[in-house]
């Protein structure tokens, strides 16, 4: 992957990560409002956190010694 592709992918991942963060906050707020009694919201939150973790790992892998990022 060349530097331009890395830069483009970096920006895509940051955008996706930001959207996931907002979704996580919304689900967490809803879960708190339900007094932590919604297994559906808990499952949705768990999936969002897994996606966020995957994106973070990919972002970190872009940052190698040969990268401009």
N, C-alpha and C. Protein backbone atom coordinates (compact mmCIF):
# COMPACT_ATOMS: atom_id res chain seq x y z
N UNK A 1 0.86 -1.18 0.00
CA UNK A 1 0.00 0.00 0.00
C UNK A 1 0.90 1.24 0.00
N UNK A 2 0.69 2.13 -0.98
CA UNK A 2 1.52 3.32 -1.04
C UNK A 2 1.02 4.38 -0.04
N UNK A 3 1.78 5.46 0.08
CA UNK A 3 1.46 6.47 1.08
C UNK A 3 0.10 7.13 0.84
N UNK A 4 -0.26 7.36 -0.42
CA UNK A 4 -1.57 7.96 -0.72
C UNK A 4 -2.71 7.03 -0.31
N UNK A 5 -2.53 5.75 -0.59
CA UNK A 5 -3.55 4.77 -0.20
C UNK A 5 -3.66 4.68 1.32
N UNK A 6 -2.51 4.70 2.01
CA UNK A 6 -2.52 4.67 3.47
C UNK A 6 -3.23 5.89 4.04
N UNK A 7 -2.94 7.04 3.47
CA UNK A 7 -3.59 8.27 3.93
C UNK A 7 -5.09 8.23 3.72
N UNK A 8 -5.50 7.77 2.56
CA UNK A 8 -6.93 7.66 2.27
C UNK A 8 -7.60 6.67 3.22
N UNK A 9 -6.95 5.52 3.42
CA UNK A 9 -7.51 4.50 4.32
C UNK A 9 -7.57 5.02 5.75
N UNK A 10 -6.54 5.76 6.17
CA UNK A 10 -6.51 6.35 7.50
C UNK A 10 -7.72 7.25 7.72
N UNK A 11 -7.99 8.12 6.74
CA UNK A 11 -9.13 9.03 6.87
C UNK A 11 -10.46 8.29 6.88
N UNK A 12 -10.57 7.25 6.08
CA UNK A 12 -11.79 6.43 6.07
C UNK A 12 -12.00 5.77 7.43
N UNK A 13 -10.93 5.22 7.99
CA UNK A 13 -11.04 4.55 9.28
C UNK A 13 -11.38 5.52 10.41
N UNK A 14 -10.78 6.70 10.37
CA UNK A 14 -11.07 7.72 11.39
C UNK A 14 -12.53 8.12 11.32
N UNK A 15 -13.05 8.30 10.11
CA UNK A 15 -14.46 8.66 9.93
C UNK A 15 -15.37 7.56 10.47
N UNK A 16 -15.05 6.32 10.12
CA UNK A 16 -15.85 5.18 10.57
C UNK A 16 -15.77 5.04 12.10
N UNK A 17 -14.59 5.24 12.64
CA UNK A 17 -14.40 5.14 14.09
C UNK A 17 -15.20 6.23 14.80
N UNK A 18 -15.20 7.43 14.26
CA UNK A 18 -15.96 8.53 14.84
C UNK A 18 -17.46 8.22 14.85
N UNK A 19 -17.96 7.70 13.75
CA UNK A 19 -19.39 7.33 13.68
C UNK A 19 -19.72 6.24 14.69
N UNK A 20 -18.83 5.28 14.84
CA UNK A 20 -19.04 4.22 15.82
C UNK A 20 -19.04 4.77 17.24
N UNK A 21 -18.16 5.72 17.51
CA UNK A 21 -18.11 6.31 18.85
C UNK A 21 -19.42 6.99 19.20
N UNK A 22 -19.99 7.71 18.24
CA UNK A 22 -21.29 8.34 18.50
C UNK A 22 -22.38 7.30 18.72
N UNK A 23 -22.33 6.22 17.96
CA UNK A 23 -23.30 5.14 18.13
C UNK A 23 -23.15 4.47 19.49
N UNK A 24 -21.91 4.27 19.91
CA UNK A 24 -21.65 3.67 21.21
C UNK A 24 -22.23 4.55 22.32
N UNK A 25 -22.01 5.85 22.23
CA UNK A 25 -22.53 6.78 23.24
C UNK A 25 -24.05 6.73 23.27
N UNK A 26 -24.68 6.71 22.09
CA UNK A 26 -26.14 6.67 22.03
C UNK A 26 -26.68 5.38 22.65
N UNK A 27 -26.07 4.24 22.31
CA UNK A 27 -26.51 2.95 22.87
C UNK A 27 -26.27 2.91 24.38
N UNK A 28 -25.14 3.41 24.81
CA UNK A 28 -24.83 3.42 26.23
C UNK A 28 -25.81 4.29 27.00
N UNK A 29 -26.13 5.45 26.45
CA UNK A 29 -27.12 6.33 27.08
C UNK A 29 -28.48 5.64 27.19
N UNK A 30 -28.88 4.97 26.12
CA UNK A 30 -30.15 4.24 26.13
C UNK A 30 -30.13 3.11 27.16
N UNK A 31 -29.00 2.43 27.25
CA UNK A 31 -28.87 1.34 28.21
C UNK A 31 -28.94 1.86 29.64
N UNK A 32 -28.31 2.98 29.90
CA UNK A 32 -28.39 3.59 31.23
C UNK A 32 -29.83 3.98 31.54
N UNK A 33 -30.51 4.57 30.56
CA UNK A 33 -31.91 4.97 30.77
C UNK A 33 -32.83 3.78 31.00
N UNK A 34 -32.42 2.61 30.54
CA UNK A 34 -33.22 1.41 30.76
C UNK A 34 -32.86 0.72 32.07
N UNK A 35 -32.03 1.40 32.88
CA UNK A 35 -31.53 0.83 34.13
C UNK A 35 -30.74 -0.46 33.90
N UNK A 36 -30.04 -0.52 32.76
CA UNK A 36 -29.19 -1.65 32.40
C UNK A 36 -29.98 -2.94 32.20
N UNK A 37 -31.26 -2.81 31.87
CA UNK A 37 -32.13 -3.98 31.76
C UNK A 37 -32.44 -4.42 30.34
N UNK A 38 -31.69 -3.97 29.37
CA UNK A 38 -31.98 -4.34 27.99
C UNK A 38 -30.85 -5.20 27.43
N UNK A 39 -31.11 -6.48 27.31
CA UNK A 39 -30.08 -7.36 26.75
C UNK A 39 -29.85 -7.05 25.28
N UNK A 40 -30.89 -6.57 24.58
CA UNK A 40 -30.73 -6.19 23.17
C UNK A 40 -29.74 -5.03 23.04
N UNK A 41 -29.90 -4.01 23.87
CA UNK A 41 -28.97 -2.87 23.84
C UNK A 41 -27.58 -3.31 24.25
N UNK A 42 -27.47 -4.21 25.22
CA UNK A 42 -26.16 -4.71 25.64
C UNK A 42 -25.47 -5.42 24.49
N UNK A 43 -26.20 -6.23 23.76
CA UNK A 43 -25.64 -6.95 22.61
C UNK A 43 -25.22 -5.98 21.50
N UNK A 44 -26.05 -4.99 21.24
CA UNK A 44 -25.71 -3.99 20.22
C UNK A 44 -24.46 -3.22 20.61
N UNK A 45 -24.38 -2.87 21.88
CA UNK A 45 -23.21 -2.15 22.37
C UNK A 45 -21.95 -3.01 22.25
N UNK A 46 -22.07 -4.27 22.58
CA UNK A 46 -20.94 -5.18 22.47
C UNK A 46 -20.45 -5.27 21.03
N UNK A 47 -21.35 -5.36 20.07
CA UNK A 47 -20.97 -5.43 18.66
C UNK A 47 -20.29 -4.14 18.20
N UNK A 48 -20.80 -3.00 18.64
CA UNK A 48 -20.18 -1.73 18.27
C UNK A 48 -18.77 -1.63 18.83
N UNK A 49 -18.57 -2.07 20.06
CA UNK A 49 -17.24 -2.04 20.66
C UNK A 49 -16.29 -2.96 19.91
N UNK A 50 -16.77 -4.13 19.49
CA UNK A 50 -15.93 -5.04 18.70
C UNK A 50 -15.50 -4.39 17.38
N UNK A 51 -16.43 -3.72 16.71
CA UNK A 51 -16.10 -3.03 15.46
C UNK A 51 -15.08 -1.92 15.71
N UNK A 52 -15.27 -1.18 16.80
CA UNK A 52 -14.35 -0.09 17.14
C UNK A 52 -12.95 -0.64 17.40
N UNK A 53 -12.87 -1.76 18.10
CA UNK A 53 -11.58 -2.40 18.38
C UNK A 53 -10.89 -2.84 17.10
N UNK A 54 -11.66 -3.41 16.18
CA UNK A 54 -11.11 -3.85 14.90
C UNK A 54 -10.53 -2.67 14.12
N UNK A 55 -11.27 -1.57 14.09
CA UNK A 55 -10.80 -0.37 13.38
C UNK A 55 -9.54 0.17 14.04
N UNK A 56 -9.52 0.21 15.36
CA UNK A 56 -8.35 0.71 16.07
C UNK A 56 -7.13 -0.13 15.77
N UNK A 57 -7.29 -1.44 15.71
CA UNK A 57 -6.17 -2.32 15.37
C UNK A 57 -5.67 -2.04 13.95
N UNK A 58 -6.61 -1.82 13.02
CA UNK A 58 -6.19 -1.52 11.65
C UNK A 58 -5.48 -0.18 11.58
N UNK A 59 -6.00 0.81 12.31
CA UNK A 59 -5.33 2.12 12.34
C UNK A 59 -3.91 1.98 12.87
N UNK A 60 -3.76 1.22 13.94
CA UNK A 60 -2.43 1.04 14.52
C UNK A 60 -1.50 0.30 13.58
N UNK A 61 -2.03 -0.59 12.75
CA UNK A 61 -1.18 -1.33 11.83
C UNK A 61 -0.70 -0.45 10.67
N UNK A 62 -1.40 0.63 10.42
CA UNK A 62 -0.95 1.55 9.37
C UNK A 62 0.30 2.32 9.79
N UNK A 63 0.50 2.41 11.09
CA UNK A 63 1.60 3.21 11.63
C UNK A 63 2.85 2.36 11.84
N UNK A 64 3.47 2.03 10.73
CA UNK A 64 4.73 1.28 10.81
C UNK A 64 5.89 2.18 10.42
N UNK A 65 7.11 1.74 10.62
CA UNK A 65 8.27 2.59 10.32
C UNK A 65 8.34 3.10 8.89
N UNK A 66 7.74 2.41 7.95
CA UNK A 66 7.77 2.82 6.55
C UNK A 66 6.60 3.71 6.16
N UNK A 67 5.74 4.02 7.13
CA UNK A 67 4.54 4.79 6.85
C UNK A 67 4.75 6.27 7.13
N UNK A 68 4.04 7.12 6.40
CA UNK A 68 4.10 8.56 6.67
C UNK A 68 3.12 8.95 7.77
N UNK A 69 2.26 8.02 8.15
CA UNK A 69 1.25 8.31 9.16
C UNK A 69 1.79 8.28 10.56
